[in-house]
């Protein structure tokens, strides 16, 4: 297993709430096992899912922004004015910068 695979397993593990996990956390917090009911475990799972839903949206945003940045980098051309030409830039299509003519 590669390091990246290990990281993927770690991330997946962070999103799993199990009965044993709740018992372990309760024990670490000094809460007696008798106080842990099925209803409490379900509530914990629900709360964790709500928190992780926000995390999921944050991850989506980061993925989207990263893809846009990387795509933008790949689709740039050396501009005669030292600007960053985007895919919609006329220079990329006709090989002549219309802004360069205006600057003269």
N, C-alpha and C. Protein backbone atom coordinates (compact mmCIF):
# COMPACT_ATOMS: atom_id res chain seq x y z
N UNK A 1 0.85 -1.18 0.00
CA UNK A 1 0.00 0.00 0.00
C UNK A 1 0.89 1.24 0.00
N UNK A 2 0.59 2.20 -0.87
CA UNK A 2 1.39 3.42 -0.95
C UNK A 2 1.01 4.38 0.16
N UNK A 3 1.82 5.42 0.32
CA UNK A 3 1.51 6.45 1.32
C UNK A 3 0.16 7.10 1.03
N UNK A 4 -0.12 7.33 -0.26
CA UNK A 4 -1.38 7.97 -0.63
C UNK A 4 -2.56 7.05 -0.26
N UNK A 5 -2.40 5.74 -0.48
CA UNK A 5 -3.46 4.81 -0.09
C UNK A 5 -3.68 4.85 1.42
N UNK A 6 -2.59 4.93 2.18
CA UNK A 6 -2.70 5.02 3.64
C UNK A 6 -3.46 6.27 4.05
N UNK A 7 -3.20 7.38 3.36
CA UNK A 7 -3.91 8.63 3.67
C UNK A 7 -5.39 8.48 3.36
N UNK A 8 -5.72 7.81 2.24
CA UNK A 8 -7.12 7.60 1.88
C UNK A 8 -7.83 6.78 2.95
N UNK A 9 -7.17 5.74 3.46
CA UNK A 9 -7.75 4.91 4.51
C UNK A 9 -7.96 5.74 5.77
N UNK A 10 -7.00 6.58 6.09
CA UNK A 10 -7.12 7.44 7.26
C UNK A 10 -8.32 8.38 7.13
N UNK A 11 -8.47 8.98 5.96
CA UNK A 11 -9.60 9.89 5.75
C UNK A 11 -10.92 9.13 5.85
N UNK A 12 -10.98 7.94 5.26
CA UNK A 12 -12.21 7.15 5.37
C UNK A 12 -12.50 6.81 6.82
N UNK A 13 -11.48 6.48 7.57
CA UNK A 13 -11.67 6.12 8.97
C UNK A 13 -12.23 7.29 9.77
N UNK A 14 -11.90 8.49 9.42
CA UNK A 14 -12.40 9.66 10.13
C UNK A 14 -13.90 9.86 9.93
N UNK A 15 -14.45 9.28 8.89
CA UNK A 15 -15.86 9.47 8.58
C UNK A 15 -16.74 8.32 9.09
N UNK A 16 -16.19 7.38 9.82
CA UNK A 16 -16.95 6.23 10.30
C UNK A 16 -17.21 6.38 11.79
N UNK A 17 -18.49 6.31 12.16
CA UNK A 17 -18.86 6.33 13.58
C UNK A 17 -19.43 4.95 13.90
N UNK A 18 -18.75 4.26 14.81
CA UNK A 18 -19.20 2.91 15.19
C UNK A 18 -19.62 2.90 16.66
N UNK A 19 -20.35 1.87 17.01
CA UNK A 19 -20.76 1.68 18.40
C UNK A 19 -19.52 1.59 19.29
N UNK A 20 -18.53 0.79 18.85
CA UNK A 20 -17.30 0.66 19.63
C UNK A 20 -16.57 1.99 19.75
N UNK A 21 -16.60 2.78 18.68
CA UNK A 21 -15.95 4.09 18.72
C UNK A 21 -16.59 5.01 19.74
N UNK A 22 -17.92 4.96 19.82
CA UNK A 22 -18.63 5.78 20.81
C UNK A 22 -18.27 5.32 22.21
N UNK A 23 -18.25 3.99 22.42
CA UNK A 23 -17.88 3.46 23.73
C UNK A 23 -16.45 3.87 24.11
N UNK A 24 -15.55 3.80 23.16
CA UNK A 24 -14.15 4.18 23.42
C UNK A 24 -14.05 5.65 23.80
N UNK A 25 -14.72 6.50 23.05
CA UNK A 25 -14.69 7.94 23.37
C UNK A 25 -15.30 8.21 24.74
N UNK A 26 -16.41 7.55 25.02
CA UNK A 26 -17.06 7.74 26.31
C UNK A 26 -16.13 7.33 27.44
N UNK A 27 -15.44 6.20 27.25
CA UNK A 27 -14.49 5.71 28.26
C UNK A 27 -13.37 6.73 28.46
N UNK A 28 -12.85 7.27 27.36
CA UNK A 28 -11.78 8.28 27.46
C UNK A 28 -12.27 9.54 28.18
N UNK A 29 -13.55 9.83 28.07
CA UNK A 29 -14.12 11.01 28.73
C UNK A 29 -14.60 10.71 30.15
N UNK A 30 -14.44 9.45 30.57
CA UNK A 30 -14.84 9.08 31.92
C UNK A 30 -16.33 8.85 32.07
N UNK A 31 -17.03 8.60 30.98
CA UNK A 31 -18.47 8.34 31.03
C UNK A 31 -18.68 6.83 31.12
N UNK A 32 -19.42 6.39 32.11
CA UNK A 32 -19.64 4.94 32.29
C UNK A 32 -20.37 4.33 31.09
N UNK A 33 -20.01 3.10 30.76
CA UNK A 33 -20.60 2.38 29.62
C UNK A 33 -22.11 2.25 29.77
N UNK A 34 -22.58 2.16 30.99
CA UNK A 34 -24.02 1.99 31.23
C UNK A 34 -24.84 3.18 30.71
N UNK A 35 -24.21 4.34 30.62
CA UNK A 35 -24.92 5.53 30.17
C UNK A 35 -25.05 5.60 28.65
N UNK A 36 -24.33 4.72 27.96
CA UNK A 36 -24.36 4.73 26.49
C UNK A 36 -25.49 3.83 26.01
N UNK A 37 -26.52 4.45 25.48
CA UNK A 37 -27.68 3.71 24.98
C UNK A 37 -27.65 3.71 23.44
N UNK A 38 -28.48 2.88 22.86
CA UNK A 38 -28.62 2.85 21.40
C UNK A 38 -29.08 4.19 20.87
N UNK A 39 -29.97 4.84 21.62
CA UNK A 39 -30.48 6.15 21.22
C UNK A 39 -29.35 7.19 21.23
N UNK A 40 -28.49 7.11 22.25
CA UNK A 40 -27.37 8.04 22.34
C UNK A 40 -26.40 7.83 21.17
N UNK A 41 -26.14 6.57 20.83
CA UNK A 41 -25.25 6.27 19.70
C UNK A 41 -25.83 6.82 18.40
N UNK A 42 -27.15 6.65 18.21
CA UNK A 42 -27.80 7.19 17.01
C UNK A 42 -27.71 8.71 16.96
N UNK A 43 -27.87 9.34 18.12
CA UNK A 43 -27.76 10.80 18.19
C UNK A 43 -26.34 11.25 17.84
N UNK A 44 -25.34 10.54 18.35
CA UNK A 44 -23.95 10.86 18.04
C UNK A 44 -23.71 10.75 16.54
N UNK A 45 -24.19 9.65 15.95
CA UNK A 45 -24.02 9.47 14.50
C UNK A 45 -24.67 10.61 13.72
N UNK A 46 -25.86 11.00 14.13
CA UNK A 46 -26.57 12.09 13.45
C UNK A 46 -25.79 13.41 13.56
N UNK A 47 -25.31 13.70 14.76
CA UNK A 47 -24.55 14.94 14.98
C UNK A 47 -23.26 14.94 14.16
N UNK A 48 -22.57 13.82 14.15
CA UNK A 48 -21.32 13.73 13.38
C UNK A 48 -21.61 13.91 11.90
N UNK A 49 -22.67 13.29 11.40
CA UNK A 49 -23.04 13.45 9.99
C UNK A 49 -23.32 14.91 9.64
N UNK A 50 -23.97 15.62 10.55
CA UNK A 50 -24.26 17.04 10.30
C UNK A 50 -22.97 17.85 10.23
N UNK A 51 -22.05 17.57 11.13
CA UNK A 51 -20.76 18.28 11.13
C UNK A 51 -20.00 17.96 9.85
N UNK A 52 -19.97 16.68 9.49
CA UNK A 52 -19.22 16.26 8.31
C UNK A 52 -19.86 16.76 7.02
N UNK A 53 -21.17 17.01 7.02
CA UNK A 53 -21.82 17.57 5.84
C UNK A 53 -21.20 18.92 5.51
N UNK A 54 -20.94 19.73 6.53
CA UNK A 54 -20.28 21.01 6.32
C UNK A 54 -18.87 20.82 5.81
N UNK A 55 -18.18 19.82 6.32
CA UNK A 55 -16.83 19.52 5.87
C UNK A 55 -16.84 19.09 4.41
N UNK A 56 -17.83 18.29 4.05
CA UNK A 56 -17.94 17.83 2.66
C UNK A 56 -18.08 19.03 1.71
N UNK A 57 -18.88 20.00 2.08
CA UNK A 57 -19.05 21.19 1.25
C UNK A 57 -17.73 21.97 1.15
N UNK A 58 -17.00 22.04 2.25
CA UNK A 58 -15.70 22.71 2.24
C UNK A 58 -14.73 22.00 1.31
N UNK A 59 -14.73 20.67 1.36
CA UNK A 59 -13.85 19.89 0.49
C UNK A 59 -14.24 20.11 -0.96
N UNK A 60 -15.53 20.12 -1.26
CA UNK A 60 -15.99 20.37 -2.63
C UNK A 60 -15.49 21.72 -3.13
N UNK A 61 -15.58 22.73 -2.28
CA UNK A 61 -15.13 24.07 -2.66
C UNK A 61 -13.64 24.07 -2.96
N UNK A 62 -12.86 23.44 -2.10
CA UNK A 62 -11.41 23.40 -2.30
C UNK A 62 -11.07 22.64 -3.59
N UNK A 63 -11.75 21.52 -3.82
CA UNK A 63 -11.50 20.75 -5.05
C UNK A 63 -11.83 21.59 -6.27
N UNK A 64 -12.97 22.24 -6.26
CA UNK A 64 -13.39 23.06 -7.39
C UNK A 64 -12.40 24.20 -7.66
N UNK A 65 -12.01 24.91 -6.61
CA UNK A 65 -11.07 26.02 -6.77
C UNK A 65 -9.71 25.53 -7.26
N UNK A 66 -9.26 24.40 -6.75
CA UNK A 66 -7.96 23.86 -7.17
C UNK A 66 -7.99 23.45 -8.63
N UNK A 67 -9.06 22.80 -9.05
CA UNK A 67 -9.19 22.39 -10.46
C UNK A 67 -9.22 23.63 -11.36
N UNK A 68 -9.96 24.66 -10.96
CA UNK A 68 -10.03 25.89 -11.76
C UNK A 68 -8.65 26.53 -11.88
N UNK A 69 -7.90 26.59 -10.78
CA UNK A 69 -6.56 27.19 -10.82
C UNK A 69 -5.64 26.41 -11.73
N UNK A 70 -5.64 25.07 -11.58
CA UNK A 70 -4.76 24.23 -12.39
C UNK A 70 -5.13 24.30 -13.87
N UNK A 71 -6.42 24.31 -14.17
CA UNK A 71 -6.88 24.42 -15.55
C UNK A 71 -6.48 25.76 -16.13
N UNK A 72 -6.62 26.80 -15.32
CA UNK A 72 -6.25 28.14 -15.77
C UNK A 72 -4.76 28.21 -16.09
N UNK A 73 -3.93 27.59 -15.25
CA UNK A 73 -2.48 27.58 -15.49
C UNK A 73 -2.15 26.91 -16.82
N UNK A 74 -2.83 25.80 -17.11
CA UNK A 74 -2.56 25.03 -18.31
C UNK A 74 -3.05 25.75 -19.56
N UNK A 75 -4.07 26.59 -19.43
CA UNK A 75 -4.66 27.26 -20.59
C UNK A 75 -4.17 28.69 -20.76
N UNK A 76 -3.03 29.01 -20.23
CA UNK A 76 -2.51 30.37 -20.37
C UNK A 76 -1.46 30.41 -21.48
N UNK A 77 -1.30 31.58 -22.06
CA UNK A 77 -0.35 31.81 -23.13
C UNK A 77 0.51 33.00 -22.74
N UNK A 78 1.74 33.03 -23.22
CA UNK A 78 2.62 34.16 -22.96
C UNK A 78 2.05 35.39 -23.67
N UNK A 79 1.72 36.39 -22.94
CA UNK A 79 1.10 37.59 -23.47
C UNK A 79 2.17 38.63 -23.79
N UNK A 80 2.07 39.31 -24.93
CA UNK A 80 3.05 40.34 -25.27
C UNK A 80 3.03 41.53 -24.31
N UNK A 81 1.94 41.68 -23.57
CA UNK A 81 1.85 42.78 -22.61
C UNK A 81 2.23 42.32 -21.20
N UNK A 82 2.61 41.05 -21.07
CA UNK A 82 2.98 40.53 -19.76
C UNK A 82 1.78 40.15 -18.91
N UNK A 83 0.61 40.12 -19.53
CA UNK A 83 -0.60 39.73 -18.82
C UNK A 83 -0.80 38.23 -18.96
N UNK A 84 -1.75 37.68 -18.26
CA UNK A 84 -2.09 36.27 -18.40
C UNK A 84 -3.26 36.16 -19.36
N UNK A 85 -3.00 35.55 -20.51
CA UNK A 85 -4.06 35.38 -21.50
C UNK A 85 -4.90 34.17 -21.13
N UNK A 86 -6.18 34.34 -21.16
CA UNK A 86 -7.11 33.26 -20.84
C UNK A 86 -7.57 32.62 -22.14
N UNK A 87 -8.31 31.50 -22.05
CA UNK A 87 -8.79 30.85 -23.28
C UNK A 87 -9.63 31.77 -24.16
N UNK A 88 -10.27 32.78 -23.59
CA UNK A 88 -11.10 33.68 -24.39
C UNK A 88 -10.30 34.84 -24.99
N UNK A 89 -9.01 34.92 -24.71
CA UNK A 89 -8.19 36.03 -25.20
C UNK A 89 -8.03 35.94 -26.73
N UNK A 90 -8.19 37.07 -27.41
CA UNK A 90 -8.07 37.13 -28.87
C UNK A 90 -6.67 36.71 -29.31
N UNK A 91 -5.65 37.04 -28.53
CA UNK A 91 -4.27 36.71 -28.89
C UNK A 91 -4.11 35.21 -29.11
N UNK A 92 -4.79 34.41 -28.31
CA UNK A 92 -4.70 32.95 -28.45
C UNK A 92 -5.31 32.50 -29.77
N UNK A 93 -6.30 33.23 -30.26
CA UNK A 93 -7.01 32.81 -31.48
C UNK A 93 -6.33 33.33 -32.74
N UNK A 94 -6.03 34.63 -32.77
CA UNK A 94 -5.50 35.23 -34.00
C UNK A 94 -4.00 35.48 -33.96
N UNK A 95 -3.40 35.33 -32.81
CA UNK A 95 -1.95 35.53 -32.71
C UNK A 95 -1.54 36.98 -32.64
N UNK A 96 -2.50 37.87 -32.47
CA UNK A 96 -2.21 39.29 -32.37
C UNK A 96 -3.03 39.88 -31.23
N UNK A 97 -2.41 40.67 -30.40
CA UNK A 97 -3.09 41.22 -29.24
C UNK A 97 -3.79 42.52 -29.62
N UNK A 98 -5.10 42.57 -29.42
CA UNK A 98 -5.85 43.78 -29.72
C UNK A 98 -5.54 44.88 -28.71
N UNK A 99 -5.17 44.51 -27.50
CA UNK A 99 -4.82 45.51 -26.49
C UNK A 99 -3.48 46.18 -26.83
N UNK A 100 -2.59 45.44 -27.49
CA UNK A 100 -1.30 45.99 -27.89
C UNK A 100 -1.50 47.12 -28.88
N UNK A 101 -2.45 46.96 -29.80
CA UNK A 101 -2.75 48.02 -30.77
C UNK A 101 -3.31 49.26 -30.09
N UNK A 102 -4.12 49.07 -29.06
CA UNK A 102 -4.71 50.20 -28.32
C UNK A 102 -3.63 50.94 -27.51
N UNK A 103 -2.60 50.20 -27.09
CA UNK A 103 -1.56 50.79 -26.26
C UNK A 103 -0.64 51.70 -27.07
N UNK A 104 -0.60 51.54 -28.38
CA UNK A 104 0.28 52.34 -29.24
C UNK A 104 -0.21 53.73 -29.45
